[in-house]
Amino acid sequence: MTIEDVFTLIKGDMDKVNSLIQTSLYSEVVLINQISQYIINSGGKRLRPILVLLSANAFASQKAALKANDSAHDITLAAVIEFIHTATLLHDDVVDESELRRGKDTANELFGNAASVLVGDFLYSRAFEMMVGVGSMKVMEILSHSTNTIAEGEVLQLLNCNDASTTEARYLEVIHFKTAKLFESACQLGAVIMEQDDAIEQAMANYGMHLGTAFQLIDDVLDYSASSEEMGKNVGDDLAEGKPTLPLIYAMAHGSATEATLIREAIEQGGLDEIEAITQTIETTGALDYTREIARKEADLAIEQLQTIPDSQYKEAMISLANFSVDRSY
């Protein structure tokens, strides 16, 4: 199954999600409407809401009556997940002073930092308003814990910025908190609203965690191997912000003393003055291949978690997403 097949499979549900997103974005405050619409409609793969839908539908044959009665819950939670993700993007771009995302100017570049932060807060609060309507304390528990963990991940990443002594373990911890947690919650929610047992629920959560980790690791690879047009952001942005991602950490450990010093100074000072030399070191040390290898292991672990769920086209779609996460070029 190709990634296009995955999108086609859940197109009907995603149309409902997108419609709900548009109606739920409305505010009588004009600036909120402008920024919310701009960031929500600026592209993106919508992977996190897709995961909610795939997870819920994977159990629809077992819970057909429940799915019929509570069919709106997966649509609502898919929109909620997208709002939470979008809020984190708004805040991220302010913290990172980013100018480009998904090939377009960031919201903070167009509207300013203050407006971007406040609209991010609006999206968070609107997401919690919507999740209350699901009427599940378990759902509230998962999503409140997830947003708290993501915030911790943001702070951990801030502590690692310009710190060239950051280890692989510390960096993976940031990924698990900042990126993988929302993937994990999206997959877990599908199992929860379809009333699966604890073992299945945990398997789906684990699938999402490993998938999100693989996805972020490949983002790290693409930061040094893809074009700006493919990535939708400036190549080398992570280095410019002093972020010690896995390719940099590996290249420092396996390059010459001169190469390690060059990367260390770039991380500590930020900037792209030595980007060509650093990119060359990343390539010659095999740092990109190593990062891809770790991502592939994470994707394989994600697929292993699906062994306990029933066979269906939705399960096949989740396997395809795991493979896509490491094979993609954008």
C-alpha atoms as a PDB file:
ATOM      1  CA  MET A   1       0.000   0.000   0.000  1.00  0.00           C
ATOM      2  CA  THR A   2       1.445   3.385  -1.023  1.00  0.00           C
ATOM      3  CA  ILE A   3       1.136   6.556   1.012  1.00  0.00           C
ATOM      4  CA  GLU A   4      -1.375   7.769  -1.568  1.00  0.00           C
ATOM      5  CA  ASP A   5      -3.427   4.625  -0.927  1.00  0.00           C
ATOM      6  CA  VAL A   6      -3.404   5.421   2.785  1.00  0.00           C
ATOM      7  CA  PHE A   7      -4.730   8.918   2.143  1.00  0.00           C
ATOM      8  CA  THR A   8      -7.414   7.529  -0.175  1.00  0.00           C
ATOM      9  CA  LEU A   9      -8.476   4.940   2.404  1.00  0.00           C
ATOM     10  CA  ILE A  10      -9.416   7.505   5.016  1.00  0.00           C
ATOM     11  CA  LYS A  11     -10.351  10.391   2.692  1.00  0.00           C
ATOM     12  CA  GLY A  12     -14.022  10.324   3.687  1.00  0.00           C
ATOM     13  CA  ASP A  13     -13.196  10.596   7.386  1.00  0.00           C
ATOM     14  CA  MET A  14     -10.467  13.184   6.759  1.00  0.00           C
ATOM     15  CA  ASP A  15     -12.953  15.342   4.856  1.00  0.00           C
ATOM     16  CA  LYS A  16     -15.109  15.318   7.993  1.00  0.00           C
ATOM     17  CA  VAL A  17     -12.081  16.148  10.146  1.00  0.00           C
ATOM     18  CA  ASN A  18     -11.110  19.069   7.917  1.00  0.00           C
ATOM     19  CA  SER A  19     -14.679  20.371   7.968  1.00  0.00           C
ATOM     20  CA  LEU A  20     -14.747  20.192  11.769  1.00  0.00           C
ATOM     21  CA  ILE A  21     -11.382  21.944  11.962  1.00  0.00           C
ATOM     22  CA  GLN A  22     -12.671  24.833   9.872  1.00  0.00           C
ATOM     23  CA  THR A  23     -15.852  25.322  11.911  1.00  0.00           C
ATOM     24  CA  SER A  24     -14.042  24.924  15.244  1.00  0.00           C
ATOM     25  CA  LEU A  25     -11.426  27.522  14.346  1.00  0.00           C
ATOM     26  CA  TYR A  26     -13.987  30.311  14.271  1.00  0.00           C
ATOM     27  CA  SER A  27     -13.563  33.182  16.695  1.00  0.00           C
ATOM     28  CA  GLU A  28     -15.129  36.626  16.785  1.00  0.00           C
ATOM     29  CA  VAL A  29     -11.585  37.973  17.166  1.00  0.00           C
ATOM     30  CA  VAL A  30     -10.466  38.623  13.586  1.00  0.00           C
ATOM     31  CA  LEU A  31      -6.742  38.180  14.215  1.00  0.00           C
ATOM     32  CA  ILE A  32      -7.340  34.716  15.725  1.00  0.00           C
ATOM     33  CA  ASN A  33      -9.223  33.727  12.580  1.00  0.00           C
ATOM     34  CA  GLN A  34      -6.460  35.056  10.335  1.00  0.00           C
ATOM     35  CA  ILE A  35      -3.572  33.301  12.071  1.00  0.00           C
ATOM     36  CA  SER A  36      -5.461  30.068  12.766  1.00  0.00           C
ATOM     37  CA  GLN A  37      -6.580  29.743   9.162  1.00  0.00           C
ATOM     38  CA  TYR A  38      -3.106  30.600   7.906  1.00  0.00           C
ATOM     39  CA  ILE A  39      -1.280  27.947   9.915  1.00  0.00           C
ATOM     40  CA  ILE A  40      -3.940  25.223   9.632  1.00  0.00           C
ATOM     41  CA  ASN A  41      -4.247  25.641   5.869  1.00  0.00           C
ATOM     42  CA  SER A  42      -0.526  25.978   5.140  1.00  0.00           C
ATOM     43  CA  GLY A  43      -0.084  22.337   4.175  1.00  0.00           C
ATOM     44  CA  GLY A  44       1.294  19.420   6.143  1.00  0.00           C
ATOM     45  CA  LYS A  45       0.650  15.703   6.014  1.00  0.00           C
ATOM     46  CA  ARG A  46      -1.991  15.604   8.787  1.00  0.00           C
ATOM     47  CA  LEU A  47      -0.327  12.392   9.988  1.00  0.00           C
ATOM     48  CA  ARG A  48      -1.451  12.701  13.591  1.00  0.00           C
ATOM     49  CA  PRO A  49      -5.197  12.945  12.868  1.00  0.00           C
ATOM     50  CA  ILE A  50      -4.765  10.217  10.251  1.00  0.00           C
ATOM     51  CA  LEU A  51      -3.365   7.971  12.991  1.00  0.00           C
ATOM     52  CA  VAL A  52      -6.444   8.541  15.181  1.00  0.00           C
ATOM     53  CA  LEU A  53      -8.678   7.496  12.287  1.00  0.00           C
ATOM     54  CA  LEU A  54      -6.611   4.452  11.306  1.00  0.00           C
ATOM     55  CA  SER A  55      -6.376   3.272  14.902  1.00  0.00           C
ATOM     56  CA  ALA A  56     -10.128   3.565  15.517  1.00  0.00           C
ATOM     57  CA  ASN A  57     -11.062   1.955  12.196  1.00  0.00           C
ATOM     58  CA  ALA A  58      -8.658  -0.931  12.795  1.00  0.00           C
ATOM     59  CA  PHE A  59     -11.108  -2.164  15.464  1.00  0.00           C
ATOM     60  CA  ALA A  60     -14.359  -1.199  13.736  1.00  0.00           C
ATOM     61  CA  SER A  61     -15.211  -4.790  12.758  1.00  0.00           C
ATOM     62  CA  GLN A  62     -14.968  -5.844  16.408  1.00  0.00           C
ATOM     63  CA  LYS A  63     -16.973  -2.890  17.643  1.00  0.00           C
ATOM     64  CA  ALA A  64     -19.306  -2.199  14.731  1.00  0.00           C
ATOM     65  CA  ALA A  65     -22.213  -1.072  16.904  1.00  0.00           C
ATOM     66  CA  LEU A  66     -19.982   1.157  19.001  1.00  0.00           C
ATOM     67  CA  LYS A  67     -18.465   2.669  15.870  1.00  0.00           C
ATOM     68  CA  ALA A  68     -21.937   3.402  14.525  1.00  0.00           C
ATOM     69  CA  ASN A  69     -23.099   5.003  17.768  1.00  0.00           C
ATOM     70  CA  ASP A  70     -19.953   6.974  18.545  1.00  0.00           C
ATOM     71  CA  SER A  71     -18.624   7.593  15.048  1.00  0.00           C
ATOM     72  CA  ALA A  72     -18.117  11.293  15.764  1.00  0.00           C
ATOM     73  CA  HIS A  73     -15.592  10.652  18.526  1.00  0.00           C
ATOM     74  CA  ASP A  74     -12.758   9.651  16.209  1.00  0.00           C
ATOM     75  CA  ILE A  75     -13.462  12.679  14.000  1.00  0.00           C
ATOM     76  CA  THR A  76     -13.476  14.997  17.023  1.00  0.00           C
ATOM     77  CA  LEU A  77     -10.275  13.577  18.487  1.00  0.00           C
ATOM     78  CA  ALA A  78      -8.519  13.701  15.129  1.00  0.00           C
ATOM     79  CA  ALA A  79      -9.282  17.435  14.975  1.00  0.00           C
ATOM     80  CA  VAL A  80      -8.213  17.870  18.602  1.00  0.00           C
ATOM     81  CA  ILE A  81      -4.861  16.206  17.900  1.00  0.00           C
ATOM     82  CA  GLU A  82      -4.297  18.499  14.905  1.00  0.00           C
ATOM     83  CA  PHE A  83      -5.082  21.585  17.008  1.00  0.00           C
ATOM     84  CA  ILE A  84      -2.618  20.531  19.696  1.00  0.00           C
ATOM     85  CA  HIS A  85       0.047  19.850  17.066  1.00  0.00           C
ATOM     86  CA  THR A  86      -0.578  23.211  15.375  1.00  0.00           C
ATOM     87  CA  ALA A  87      -0.338  25.034  18.704  1.00  0.00           C
ATOM     88  CA  THR A  88       3.068  23.448  19.311  1.00  0.00           C
ATOM     89  CA  LEU A  89       4.211  24.567  15.846  1.00  0.00           C
ATOM     90  CA  LEU A  90       3.208  28.161  16.554  1.00  0.00           C
ATOM     91  CA  HIS A  91       5.121  28.140  19.823  1.00  0.00           C
ATOM     92  CA  ASP A  92       8.093  26.268  18.325  1.00  0.00           C
ATOM     93  CA  ASP A  93       8.575  28.804  15.571  1.00  0.00           C
ATOM     94  CA  VAL A  94       8.629  31.649  18.085  1.00  0.00           C
ATOM     95  CA  VAL A  95      11.156  29.903  20.319  1.00  0.00           C
ATOM     96  CA  ASP A  96      13.332  28.913  17.341  1.00  0.00           C
ATOM     97  CA  GLU A  97      12.912  32.291  15.596  1.00  0.00           C
ATOM     98  CA  SER A  98      12.016  30.335  12.448  1.00  0.00           C
ATOM     99  CA  GLU A  99      11.156  32.142   9.238  1.00  0.00           C
ATOM    100  CA  LEU A 100       9.993  29.280   7.032  1.00  0.00           C
ATOM    101  CA  ARG A 101       7.717  26.276   7.562  1.00  0.00           C
ATOM    102  CA  ARG A 102       6.147  24.023   4.913  1.00  0.00           C
ATOM    103  CA  GLY A 103       7.624  26.287   2.264  1.00  0.00           C
ATOM    104  CA  LYS A 104       5.823  29.398   3.540  1.00  0.00           C
ATOM    105  CA  ASP A 105       6.606  32.240   5.913  1.00  0.00           C
ATOM    106  CA  THR A 106       5.965  31.249   9.515  1.00  0.00           C
ATOM    107  CA  ALA A 107       3.075  32.873  11.357  1.00  0.00           C
ATOM    108  CA  ASN A 108       5.464  34.710  13.666  1.00  0.00           C
ATOM    109  CA  GLU A 109       7.291  36.102  10.640  1.00  0.00           C
ATOM    110  CA  LEU A 110       4.022  37.524   9.262  1.00  0.00           C
ATOM    111  CA  PHE A 111       2.045  38.405  12.383  1.00  0.00           C
ATOM    112  CA  GLY A 112       4.695  38.749  15.107  1.00  0.00           C
ATOM    113  CA  ASN A 113       5.709  36.657  18.090  1.00  0.00           C
ATOM    114  CA  ALA A 114       3.077  37.871  20.546  1.00  0.00           C
ATOM    115  CA  ALA A 115       0.150  37.121  18.257  1.00  0.00           C
ATOM    116  CA  SER A 116       1.560  33.681  17.366  1.00  0.00           C
ATOM    117  CA  VAL A 117       1.976  32.661  21.004  1.00  0.00           C
ATOM    118  CA  LEU A 118      -1.502  33.831  21.953  1.00  0.00           C
ATOM    119  CA  VAL A 119      -3.177  32.100  19.013  1.00  0.00           C
ATOM    120  CA  GLY A 120      -1.256  28.957  19.951  1.00  0.00           C
ATOM    121  CA  ASP A 121      -2.850  29.284  23.393  1.00  0.00           C
ATOM    122  CA  PHE A 122      -6.255  29.688  21.727  1.00  0.00           C
ATOM    123  CA  LEU A 123      -5.777  26.447  19.783  1.00  0.00           C
ATOM    124  CA  TYR A 124      -4.763  24.586  22.950  1.00  0.00           C
ATOM    125  CA  SER A 125      -7.820  25.806  24.833  1.00  0.00           C
ATOM    126  CA  ARG A 126     -10.158  25.117  21.902  1.00  0.00           C
ATOM    127  CA  ALA A 127      -8.753  21.572  21.720  1.00  0.00           C
ATOM    128  CA  PHE A 128      -9.607  21.002  25.383  1.00  0.00           C
ATOM    129  CA  GLU A 129     -13.098  22.422  24.875  1.00  0.00           C
ATOM    130  CA  MET A 130     -13.657  19.895  22.096  1.00  0.00           C
ATOM    131  CA  MET A 131     -12.250  16.893  23.947  1.00  0.00           C
ATOM    132  CA  VAL A 132     -14.609  17.525  26.871  1.00  0.00           C
ATOM    133  CA  GLY A 133     -17.445  16.760  24.454  1.00  0.00           C
ATOM    134  CA  VAL A 134     -16.205  13.195  24.048  1.00  0.00           C
ATOM    135  CA  GLY A 135     -17.211  12.582  27.665  1.00  0.00           C
ATOM    136  CA  SER A 136     -14.289  10.338  28.585  1.00  0.00           C
ATOM    137  CA  MET A 137     -11.999  10.908  31.541  1.00  0.00           C
ATOM    138  CA  LYS A 138      -9.521   8.469  29.975  1.00  0.00           C
ATOM    139  CA  VAL A 139      -9.326  10.640  26.862  1.00  0.00           C
ATOM    140  CA  MET A 140      -8.834  13.744  29.026  1.00  0.00           C
ATOM    141  CA  GLU A 141      -6.119  11.976  30.985  1.00  0.00           C
ATOM    142  CA  ILE A 142      -4.219  10.920  27.864  1.00  0.00           C
ATOM    143  CA  LEU A 143      -4.338  14.307  26.172  1.00  0.00           C
ATOM    144  CA  SER A 144      -3.610  16.395  29.260  1.00  0.00           C
ATOM    145  CA  HIS A 145      -0.597  14.187  30.030  1.00  0.00           C
ATOM    146  CA  SER A 146       0.503  14.385  26.406  1.00  0.00           C
ATOM    147  CA  THR A 147       0.455  18.189  26.284  1.00  0.00           C
ATOM    148  CA  ASN A 148       2.349  18.337  29.561  1.00  0.00           C
ATOM    149  CA  THR A 149       4.991  15.926  28.260  1.00  0.00           C
ATOM    150  CA  ILE A 150       5.366  17.916  25.033  1.00  0.00           C
ATOM    151  CA  ALA A 151       5.970  21.068  27.084  1.00  0.00           C
ATOM    152  CA  GLU A 152       8.655  19.245  29.062  1.00  0.00           C
ATOM    153  CA  GLY A 153      10.218  18.157  25.778  1.00  0.00           C
ATOM    154  CA  GLU A 154      10.332  21.749  24.593  1.00  0.00           C
ATOM    155  CA  VAL A 155      12.201  22.752  27.723  1.00  0.00           C
ATOM    156  CA  LEU A 156      14.591  19.799  27.401  1.00  0.00           C
ATOM    157  CA  GLN A 157      15.337  20.832  23.831  1.00  0.00           C
ATOM    158  CA  LEU A 158      15.945  24.384  25.008  1.00  0.00           C
ATOM    159  CA  LEU A 159      18.464  23.081  27.553  1.00  0.00           C
ATOM    160  CA  ASN A 160      20.228  21.075  24.844  1.00  0.00           C
ATOM    161  CA  CYS A 161      20.499  24.027  22.452  1.00  0.00           C
ATOM    162  CA  ASN A 162      24.108  25.174  22.002  1.00  0.00           C
ATOM    163  CA  ASP A 163      25.222  22.253  24.189  1.00  0.00           C
ATOM    164  CA  ALA A 164      27.696  20.206  22.165  1.00  0.00           C
ATOM    165  CA  SER A 165      27.996  17.650  24.979  1.00  0.00           C
ATOM    166  CA  THR A 166      24.440  16.420  24.380  1.00  0.00           C
ATOM    167  CA  THR A 167      24.474  12.622  24.161  1.00  0.00           C
ATOM    168  CA  GLU A 168      22.489  10.374  21.853  1.00  0.00           C
ATOM    169  CA  ALA A 169      20.423   9.220  24.839  1.00  0.00           C
ATOM    170  CA  ARG A 170      19.573  12.784  25.834  1.00  0.00           C
ATOM    171  CA  TYR A 171      18.612  13.639  22.292  1.00  0.00           C
ATOM    172  CA  LEU A 172      16.361  10.588  21.944  1.00  0.00           C
ATOM    173  CA  GLU A 173      14.676  11.601  25.202  1.00  0.00           C
ATOM    174  CA  VAL A 174      13.803  14.953  23.628  1.00  0.00           C
ATOM    175  CA  ILE A 175      12.349  13.183  20.575  1.00  0.00           C
ATOM    176  CA  HIS A 176      10.230  10.906  22.754  1.00  0.00           C
ATOM    177  CA  PHE A 177       8.857  13.845  24.732  1.00  0.00           C
ATOM    178  CA  LYS A 178       8.538  16.490  22.042  1.00  0.00           C
ATOM    179  CA  THR A 179       7.552  14.588  18.901  1.00  0.00           C
ATOM    180  CA  ALA A 180       6.734  10.940  19.551  1.00  0.00           C
ATOM    181  CA  LYS A 181       4.345  11.624  22.441  1.00  0.00           C
ATOM    182  CA  LEU A 182       1.597  13.066  20.250  1.00  0.00           C
ATOM    183  CA  PHE A 183       1.955  10.186  17.759  1.00  0.00           C
ATOM    184  CA  GLU A 184       1.631   7.832  20.733  1.00  0.00           C
ATOM    185  CA  SER A 185      -1.482   9.558  22.044  1.00  0.00           C
ATOM    186  CA  ALA A 186      -3.130   9.657  18.609  1.00  0.00           C
ATOM    187  CA  CYS A 187      -2.813   5.888  18.218  1.00  0.00           C
ATOM    188  CA  GLN A 188      -3.785   5.140  21.810  1.00  0.00           C
ATOM    189  CA  LEU A 189      -6.952   7.242  21.533  1.00  0.00           C
ATOM    190  CA  GLY A 190      -8.263   5.140  18.664  1.00  0.00           C
ATOM    191  CA  ALA A 191      -8.015   2.024  20.815  1.00  0.00           C
ATOM    192  CA  VAL A 192      -9.539   3.775  23.836  1.00  0.00           C
ATOM    193  CA  ILE A 193     -12.683   5.031  22.097  1.00  0.00           C
ATOM    194  CA  MET A 194     -13.171   1.565  20.550  1.00  0.00           C
ATOM    195  CA  GLU A 195     -12.963   0.076  24.083  1.00  0.00           C
ATOM    196  CA  GLN A 196     -10.008  -2.231  23.471  1.00  0.00           C
ATOM    197  CA  ASP A 197      -8.307  -3.983  26.370  1.00  0.00           C
ATOM    198  CA  ASP A 198      -5.211  -2.644  28.101  1.00  0.00           C
ATOM    199  CA  ALA A 199      -2.787  -4.820  26.120  1.00  0.00           C
ATOM    200  CA  ILE A 200      -4.121  -3.621  22.754  1.00  0.00           C
ATOM    201  CA  GLU A 201      -4.234  -0.041  23.966  1.00  0.00           C
ATOM    202  CA  GLN A 202      -0.582  -0.240  25.027  1.00  0.00           C
ATOM    203  CA  ALA A 203       0.433  -1.863  21.737  1.00  0.00           C
ATOM    204  CA  MET A 204      -1.149   0.993  19.809  1.00  0.00           C
ATOM    205  CA  ALA A 205       0.546   3.550  22.043  1.00  0.00           C
ATOM    206  CA  ASN A 206       3.898   1.810  21.504  1.00  0.00           C
ATOM    207  CA  TYR A 207       3.330   1.765  17.755  1.00  0.00           C
ATOM    208  CA  GLY A 208       2.795   5.522  17.774  1.00  0.00           C
ATOM    209  CA  MET A 209       5.826   6.182  19.951  1.00  0.00           C
ATOM    210  CA  HIS A 210       8.183   4.205  17.698  1.00  0.00           C
ATOM    211  CA  LEU A 211       6.619   5.701  14.561  1.00  0.00           C
ATOM    212  CA  GLY A 212       7.020   9.245  15.869  1.00  0.00           C
ATOM    213  CA  THR A 213      10.646   8.581  16.793  1.00  0.00           C
ATOM    214  CA  ALA A 214      11.412   7.220  13.317  1.00  0.00           C
ATOM    215  CA  PHE A 215       9.657  10.181  11.729  1.00  0.00           C
ATOM    216  CA  GLN A 216      11.707  12.740  13.681  1.00  0.00           C
ATOM    217  CA  LEU A 217      15.000  10.947  13.022  1.00  0.00           C
ATOM    218  CA  ILE A 218      14.362  11.111   9.283  1.00  0.00           C
ATOM    219  CA  ASP A 219      13.559  14.807   9.660  1.00  0.00           C
ATOM    220  CA  ASP A 220      17.053  15.103  11.147  1.00  0.00           C
ATOM    221  CA  VAL A 221      18.503  13.336   8.105  1.00  0.00           C
ATOM    222  CA  LEU A 222      16.576  15.523   5.670  1.00  0.00           C
ATOM    223  CA  ASP A 223      17.857  18.653   7.377  1.00  0.00           C
ATOM    224  CA  TYR A 224      21.241  17.861   5.795  1.00  0.00           C
ATOM    225  CA  SER A 225      20.242  15.964   2.664  1.00  0.00           C
ATOM    226  CA  ALA A 226      17.048  17.446   1.198  1.00  0.00           C
ATOM    227  CA  SER A 227      16.484  20.702  -0.648  1.00  0.00           C
ATOM    228  CA  SER A 228      14.598  23.607   0.893  1.00  0.00           C
ATOM    229  CA  GLU A 229      11.771  22.963  -1.573  1.00  0.00           C
ATOM    230  CA  GLU A 230      11.450  19.329  -0.482  1.00  0.00           C
ATOM    231  CA  MET A 231      11.684  20.079   3.231  1.00  0.00           C
ATOM    232  CA  GLY A 232       9.559  23.216   3.279  1.00  0.00           C
ATOM    233  CA  LYS A 233      12.118  24.887   5.520  1.00  0.00           C
ATOM    234  CA  ASN A 234      15.679  26.101   5.198  1.00  0.00           C
ATOM    235  CA  VAL A 235      18.315  23.380   4.980  1.00  0.00           C
ATOM    236  CA  GLY A 236      20.566  23.473   8.046  1.00  0.00           C
ATOM    237  CA  ASP A 237      17.968  25.191  10.242  1.00  0.00           C
ATOM    238  CA  ASP A 238      18.759  22.880  13.159  1.00  0.00           C
ATOM    239  CA  LEU A 239      22.443  23.783  13.064  1.00  0.00           C
ATOM    240  CA  ALA A 240      21.650  27.477  12.697  1.00  0.00           C
ATOM    241  CA  GLU A 241      19.628  27.204  15.924  1.00  0.00           C
ATOM    242  CA  GLY A 242      22.408  25.330  17.714  1.00  0.00           C
ATOM    243  CA  LYS A 243      20.415  22.101  17.969  1.00  0.00           C
ATOM    244  CA  PRO A 244      22.645  19.012  18.410  1.00  0.00           C
ATOM    245  CA  THR A 245      20.637  16.464  16.403  1.00  0.00           C
ATOM    246  CA  LEU A 246      21.712  12.847  15.947  1.00  0.00           C
ATOM    247  CA  PRO A 247      23.686  13.336  12.679  1.00  0.00           C
ATOM    248  CA  LEU A 248      25.764  16.030  14.383  1.00  0.00           C
ATOM    249  CA  ILE A 249      26.242  13.996  17.561  1.00  0.00           C
ATOM    250  CA  TYR A 250      27.408  10.963  15.563  1.00  0.00           C
ATOM    251  CA  ALA A 251      29.685  13.009  13.272  1.00  0.00           C
ATOM    252  CA  MET A 252      31.401  14.613  16.278  1.00  0.00           C
ATOM    253  CA  ALA A 253      32.043  11.201  17.804  1.00  0.00           C
ATOM    254  CA  HIS A 254      33.399   9.641  14.594  1.00  0.00           C
ATOM    255  CA  GLY A 255      35.105  12.505  12.772  1.00  0.00           C
ATOM    256  CA  SER A 256      38.648  13.732  13.182  1.00  0.00           C
ATOM    257  CA  ALA A 257      39.592  16.045  16.042  1.00  0.00           C
ATOM    258  CA  THR A 258      39.478  19.000  13.664  1.00  0.00           C
ATOM    259  CA  GLU A 259      36.061  18.007  12.333  1.00  0.00           C
ATOM    260  CA  ALA A 260      34.688  17.445  15.828  1.00  0.00           C
ATOM    261  CA  THR A 261      35.915  20.864  16.912  1.00  0.00           C
ATOM    262  CA  LEU A 262      34.300  22.495  13.889  1.00  0.00           C
ATOM    263  CA  ILE A 263      30.913  20.923  14.663  1.00  0.00           C
ATOM    264  CA  ARG A 264      31.227  21.641  18.379  1.00  0.00           C
ATOM    265  CA  GLU A 265      31.874  25.330  17.753  1.00  0.00           C
ATOM    266  CA  ALA A 266      28.995  25.540  15.268  1.00  0.00           C
ATOM    267  CA  ILE A 267      26.587  24.036  17.814  1.00  0.00           C
ATOM    268  CA  GLU A 268      27.804  26.284  20.606  1.00  0.00           C
ATOM    269  CA  GLN A 269      27.679  29.459  18.522  1.00  0.00           C
ATOM    270  CA  GLY A 270      24.855  28.677  16.094  1.00  0.00           C
ATOM    271  CA  GLY A 271      24.932  29.864  12.510  1.00  0.00           C
ATOM    272  CA  LEU A 272      25.764  28.351   9.133  1.00  0.00           C
ATOM    273  CA  ASP A 273      29.217  29.770   8.408  1.00  0.00           C
ATOM    274  CA  GLU A 274      30.730  26.275   8.142  1.00  0.00           C
ATOM    275  CA  ILE A 275      27.680  24.438   6.807  1.00  0.00           C
ATOM    276  CA  GLU A 276      29.454  23.019   3.745  1.00  0.00           C
ATOM    277  CA  ALA A 277      32.350  21.566   5.723  1.00  0.00           C
ATOM    278  CA  ILE A 278      30.017  20.211   8.382  1.00  0.00           C
ATOM    279  CA  THR A 279      27.711  18.648   5.809  1.00  0.00           C
ATOM    280  CA  GLN A 280      30.756  16.990   4.241  1.00  0.00           C
ATOM    281  CA  THR A 281      31.809  15.588   7.631  1.00  0.00           C
ATOM    282  CA  ILE A 282      28.301  14.288   8.265  1.00  0.00           C
ATOM    283  CA  GLU A 283      28.439  12.452   4.946  1.00  0.00           C
ATOM    284  CA  THR A 284      31.966  11.042   5.253  1.00  0.00           C
ATOM    285  CA  THR A 285      31.449   9.765   8.805  1.00  0.00           C
ATOM    286  CA  GLY A 286      28.289   7.901   7.798  1.00  0.00           C
ATOM    287  CA  ALA A 287      26.187   9.922  10.233  1.00  0.00           C
ATOM    288  CA  LEU A 288      23.178  10.044   7.912  1.00  0.00           C
ATOM    289  CA  ASP A 289      23.311   6.287   7.295  1.00  0.00           C
ATOM    290  CA  TYR A 290      23.564   5.686  11.035  1.00  0.00           C
ATOM    291  CA  THR A 291      20.559   7.907  11.736  1.00  0.00           C
ATOM    292  CA  ARG A 292      18.572   6.150   9.002  1.00  0.00           C
ATOM    293  CA  GLU A 293      19.520   2.798  10.564  1.00  0.00           C
ATOM    294  CA  ILE A 294      18.203   3.874  13.969  1.00  0.00           C
ATOM    295  CA  ALA A 295      15.037   5.180  12.309  1.00  0.00           C
ATOM    296  CA  ARG A 296      14.567   1.874  10.472  1.00  0.00           C
ATOM    297  CA  LYS A 297      14.858  -0.027  13.760  1.00  0.00           C
ATOM    298  CA  GLU A 298      12.202   2.229  15.284  1.00  0.00           C
ATOM    299  CA  ALA A 299       9.893   1.691  12.298  1.00  0.00           C
ATOM    300  CA  ASP A 300      10.369  -2.074  12.578  1.00  0.00           C
ATOM    301  CA  LEU A 301       9.540  -1.922  16.288  1.00  0.00           C
ATOM    302  CA  ALA A 302       6.387   0.018  15.414  1.00  0.00           C
ATOM    303  CA  ILE A 303       5.321  -2.650  12.938  1.00  0.00           C
ATOM    304  CA  GLU A 304       5.964  -5.403  15.523  1.00  0.00           C
ATOM    305  CA  GLN A 305       3.404  -3.776  17.830  1.00  0.00           C
ATOM    306  CA  LEU A 306       0.680  -4.391  15.238  1.00  0.00           C
ATOM    307  CA  GLN A 307       0.971  -8.185  15.427  1.00  0.00           C
ATOM    308  CA  THR A 308      -1.753  -8.380  18.075  1.00  0.00           C
ATOM    309  CA  ILE A 309      -4.406  -6.400  16.211  1.00  0.00           C
ATOM    310  CA  PRO A 310      -6.758  -7.929  13.605  1.00  0.00           C
ATOM    311  CA  ASP A 311      -5.750  -7.944   9.950  1.00  0.00           C
ATOM    312  CA  SER A 312      -7.454  -5.219   7.910  1.00  0.00           C
ATOM    313  CA  GLN A 313      -6.693  -2.593   5.327  1.00  0.00           C
ATOM    314  CA  TYR A 314      -6.259  -0.136   8.203  1.00  0.00           C
ATOM    315  CA  LYS A 315      -3.562  -2.302   9.746  1.00  0.00           C
ATOM    316  CA  GLU A 316      -1.866  -2.454   6.343  1.00  0.00           C
ATOM    317  CA  ALA A 317      -2.082   1.326   6.166  1.00  0.00           C
ATOM    318  CA  MET A 318      -0.323   1.643   9.532  1.00  0.00           C
ATOM    319  CA  ILE A 319       2.448  -0.683   8.339  1.00  0.00           C
ATOM    320  CA  SER A 320       2.769   1.448   5.206  1.00  0.00           C
ATOM    321  CA  LEU A 321       3.033   4.614   7.306  1.00  0.00           C
ATOM    322  CA  ALA A 322       5.871   3.079   9.307  1.00  0.00           C
ATOM    323  CA  ASN A 323       7.739   2.287   6.095  1.00  0.00           C
ATOM    324  CA  PHE A 324       6.957   5.715   4.657  1.00  0.00           C
ATOM    325  CA  SER A 325       8.398   7.371   7.755  1.00  0.00           C
ATOM    326  CA  VAL A 326      11.892   6.125   6.864  1.00  0.00           C
ATOM    327  CA  ASP A 327      11.695   5.969   3.053  1.00  0.00           C
ATOM    328  CA  ARG A 328      10.411   9.500   2.470  1.00  0.00           C
ATOM    329  CA  SER A 329      12.322  12.419   0.960  1.00  0.00           C
ATOM    330  CA  TYR A 330      10.106  15.177   2.378  1.00  0.00           C
END
